[in-house]
């Protein structure tokens, strides 16, 4: 994106403030030139049981907004959940809730932000978080990663 703008003072304009306008314009122009408008996403569906790992191809250096929805069950009445790992590192938030109905499949979702991810292949993994979480072929993991390019 190119922006061409010429700042010229009006005939009766105080020319002493023109340099301040030029400095501010240059800051705005530089910010726009270094910003990227590339945004893309990828999504997937994985059948249970957990743990499961998927490979995510990141197209460019970016920040990622990662949404995961996952189902699981537990025979006990307790706090249960599934956590997620990016390249083997635990993400900040995981899908958890209190299970007050034994042996019923529950669905939960969570959103994580991952900053400064390099382009290339990365791993995303769903593993047992809290409680005695169980899963089987009736469970699903839906995920979506939105990539926001950074320079």
Foldseek 3Di string as FASTA:
>chain_A
DDDDDDDDADPVGDCVCVVVVVVVVVVVRVVVVQFDPDKDKDKDKDFDDDWDKDKDFAAAFFKKKKKKKKKWFAQDFAKWWKWKDKQNHTFPDTWIDTDPDHPDIDMTMDIGMGHGDGGGIIMMTIHTDDDPITHDRVMMMIMMMMTGHHD
